[in-house]
Protein backbone atom coordinates (compact mmCIF):
# COMPACT_ATOMS: atom_id res chain seq x y z
CA MET A 1 13.70 8.34 -7.40
CA ASP A 2 14.03 8.05 -11.11
CA GLY A 3 11.25 7.73 -13.61
CA GLN A 4 13.08 4.89 -15.37
CA LEU A 5 10.47 2.18 -15.09
CA GLN A 6 10.67 -0.83 -17.34
CA ALA A 7 8.74 -3.97 -18.19
CA PRO A 8 8.16 -6.47 -15.39
CA SER A 9 10.89 -9.02 -14.74
CA PRO A 10 10.31 -12.46 -16.24
CA GLU A 11 11.04 -14.37 -13.03
CA PRO A 12 8.09 -14.86 -10.65
CA GLY A 13 8.23 -12.52 -7.70
CA GLY A 14 11.42 -10.94 -8.96
CA SER A 15 12.31 -7.42 -7.94
CA ARG A 16 14.27 -5.33 -10.39
CA PRO A 17 16.22 -2.11 -9.91
CA GLU A 18 13.40 -0.05 -11.44
CA HIS A 19 11.28 -1.00 -8.46
CA ALA A 20 13.64 0.97 -6.21
CA GLY A 21 12.02 4.34 -7.00
CA PHE A 22 8.56 2.87 -6.53
CA VAL A 23 9.56 1.32 -3.20
CA ALA A 24 11.16 4.56 -1.99
CA VAL A 25 7.99 6.51 -2.82
CA SER A 26 5.87 3.77 -1.24
CA GLU A 27 7.88 4.08 1.98
CA ARG A 28 7.01 7.78 2.16
CA LEU A 29 3.35 7.18 1.32
CA THR A 30 2.73 4.27 3.70
CA GLY A 31 5.09 4.87 6.62
CA PHE A 32 6.42 1.31 6.28
CA ASP A 33 10.10 0.72 5.53
CA GLU A 34 11.54 -1.05 2.51
CA PHE A 35 11.99 -4.33 4.39
CA GLU A 36 8.33 -4.39 5.46
CA LEU A 37 7.08 -3.51 1.97
CA ARG A 38 9.23 -6.14 0.28
CA ALA A 39 8.16 -8.73 2.90
CA THR A 40 4.61 -8.51 1.57
CA GLY A 41 5.77 -9.97 -1.74
CA MET A 42 3.66 -7.34 -3.53
CA VAL A 43 6.31 -4.89 -4.82
CA ARG A 44 6.42 -6.22 -8.37
CA LEU A 45 2.66 -6.67 -8.65
CA TYR A 46 1.88 -3.21 -7.24
CA HIS A 47 4.56 -1.59 -9.40
CA ASP A 48 3.23 -3.31 -12.51
CA THR A 49 -0.38 -2.48 -11.61
CA THR A 50 0.54 1.18 -11.14
CA ILE A 51 2.26 1.26 -14.54
CA ALA A 52 -0.69 -0.48 -16.21
CA GLN A 53 -3.25 1.87 -14.67
CA LEU A 54 -1.39 5.16 -15.09
CA GLY A 55 1.07 4.62 -17.91
CA ARG A 56 4.85 4.89 -17.71
CA PRO A 57 5.04 8.62 -18.50
CA ALA A 58 2.56 9.50 -15.74
CA VAL A 59 4.40 7.35 -13.19
CA GLY A 60 7.69 8.96 -14.20
CA ARG A 61 6.17 12.43 -13.75
CA PHE A 62 4.77 11.37 -10.37
CA LEU A 63 8.14 10.07 -9.16
CA ALA A 64 9.73 13.34 -10.30
CA ALA A 65 7.04 15.35 -8.49
CA MET A 66 7.69 13.39 -5.29
CA ALA A 67 11.43 14.00 -5.65
CA ALA A 68 10.77 17.73 -6.18
CA ALA A 69 8.64 17.74 -3.03
CA GLY A 70 11.56 16.26 -1.09
CA GLY A 71 9.74 12.94 -0.83
CA ASP A 72 6.94 14.57 1.15
CA PRO A 73 3.50 13.74 -0.27
CA ASP A 74 2.10 16.83 1.49
CA GLY A 75 4.36 18.89 -0.75
CA LEU A 76 2.76 17.68 -3.99
CA ALA A 77 1.47 20.73 -5.77
CA ASP A 78 -0.93 19.35 -8.35
CA GLU A 79 -4.18 17.45 -7.95
CA THR A 80 -3.14 14.65 -10.31
CA SER A 81 -0.01 13.85 -8.29
CA ARG A 82 -1.97 13.91 -5.03
CA ASP A 83 -4.56 11.52 -6.47
CA ILE A 84 -1.84 9.17 -7.70
CA ALA A 85 -0.27 9.25 -4.22
CA ARG A 86 -3.68 8.40 -2.75
CA ALA A 87 -4.15 5.52 -5.21
CA ILE A 88 -0.74 3.97 -4.48
CA THR A 89 -1.31 4.29 -0.73
CA HIS A 90 -4.76 2.73 -1.10
CA LEU A 91 -3.22 -0.11 -3.09
CA TRP A 92 -0.64 -0.89 -0.40
CA TYR A 93 -3.07 -0.76 2.50
CA LEU A 94 -6.06 -2.56 1.00
CA GLY A 95 -4.77 -4.46 -2.03
CA VAL A 96 -7.31 -2.60 -4.17
CA TRP A 97 -6.57 -0.20 -7.00
CA PRO A 98 -9.11 2.59 -6.37
CA GLN A 99 -11.13 4.55 -8.85
CA LEU A 100 -9.24 7.73 -9.68
CA ALA A 101 -10.83 11.15 -9.52
CA ARG A 102 -12.45 11.97 -12.86
CA SER A 103 -10.14 14.92 -13.31
CA THR A 104 -7.08 12.70 -12.80
CA HIS A 105 -8.33 10.01 -15.16
CA SER A 106 -9.08 12.68 -17.75
CA ALA A 107 -5.69 14.39 -17.29
CA LEU A 108 -3.91 11.07 -17.79
CA GLY A 109 -5.85 10.41 -20.99
CA ARG A 110 -6.01 6.70 -20.21
CA GLU A 111 -8.21 4.38 -22.22
CA ARG A 112 -8.52 1.86 -19.38
CA ALA A 113 -11.75 1.82 -17.43
CA ASN A 114 -11.60 3.97 -14.32
CA ALA A 115 -12.84 1.37 -11.87
CA ALA A 116 -11.70 -0.03 -8.55
CA PHE A 117 -10.55 -3.65 -8.48
CA VAL A 118 -8.82 -6.13 -6.20
CA VAL A 119 -5.35 -6.67 -7.62
CA SER A 120 -5.02 -10.32 -6.54
CA PRO A 121 -6.23 -12.66 -3.80
CA GLU A 122 -2.82 -12.32 -2.09
CA ALA A 123 -3.15 -8.54 -2.07
CA TYR A 124 -6.03 -8.84 0.41
CA THR A 125 -4.03 -10.94 2.86
CA GLU A 126 -0.87 -8.84 2.47
CA GLY A 127 -2.60 -5.47 2.91
CA LEU A 128 -0.75 -3.14 5.25
CA VAL A 129 -4.02 -2.37 7.02
CA TRP A 130 -3.68 -5.61 9.00
CA ARG A 131 -0.18 -4.73 10.15
CA THR A 132 -1.22 -1.33 11.45
CA PHE A 133 -3.14 -2.91 14.32
CA HIS A 134 -1.40 -6.30 14.49
CA GLY A 135 -4.55 -7.92 13.13
CA HIS A 136 -5.21 -10.75 10.75
CA PRO A 137 -7.36 -10.78 7.62
CA PRO A 138 -10.60 -12.67 8.30
CA GLY A 139 -10.68 -15.94 6.42
CA ALA A 140 -6.95 -15.90 5.75
CA LYS A 141 -3.72 -16.08 7.78
CA PRO A 142 -5.33 -17.18 11.05
CA PRO A 143 -3.27 -16.14 14.06
CA GLY A 144 -3.29 -19.59 15.67
CA PHE A 145 -5.24 -21.50 18.27
CA GLY A 146 -5.84 -19.64 21.54
CA THR A 147 -4.23 -16.38 20.46
CA TRP A 148 -7.55 -14.66 21.11
CA ALA A 149 -6.71 -14.94 24.83
CA VAL A 150 -3.57 -12.82 24.47
CA PRO A 151 -3.90 -9.03 24.09
CA PRO A 152 -2.44 -7.65 20.86
CA PRO A 153 0.93 -5.90 21.11
CA GLY A 154 0.59 -2.44 22.60
CA ALA A 155 -2.86 -3.10 24.08
CA PRO A 156 -3.35 -1.72 27.59
CA VAL A 157 -3.40 -4.47 30.18
CA ARG A 158 -5.95 -4.09 32.95
CA PRO A 159 -5.06 -5.36 36.43
CA ALA A 160 -6.77 -8.59 37.51
CA ALA A 161 -8.56 -6.73 40.34
CA ALA A 162 -10.25 -4.39 37.82
CA ARG A 163 -11.37 -7.33 35.72
CA ARG A 164 -12.82 -9.10 38.77
CA ALA A 165 -14.63 -5.92 39.85
CA GLU A 166 -16.21 -5.59 36.43
CA GLY A 167 -17.32 -9.22 36.55
CA ALA A 168 -18.92 -8.75 39.97
CA ALA A 169 -20.99 -5.77 38.84
């Protein structure tokens, strides 16, 4: 995980080598693997948003802190690094850059407003939150006609006799 982060690639949706450290850290923060994170199509946008909100030096320090902690976010020693980890995780799950703690924003010395915002319309539909429970974002990515009749993956299936008994009561 190197702190060598560069300007975004000129090609739409392109993923450059400097995203590798960001993706590796994101894997540890979210619990999703590289394939799943890249499948969202959000790597470049989230990487660039993180750079824009924190600044390259701060992101480099954060990547170094994660490496020093063995990639374990629980091993981050300072409050600023923990808040950055929280922000990146929040971004992946909800598609929203969150407001940073005042102490973090102050420590970073950023001139940008410290406000939460939705990164893009696609970020909402690609949020990892939907994948955690095999759900679908309301108003986007409908699951298909009649899928409401099929239990989601991993849902307990009740025997027909139990369902009939409940209906008779």
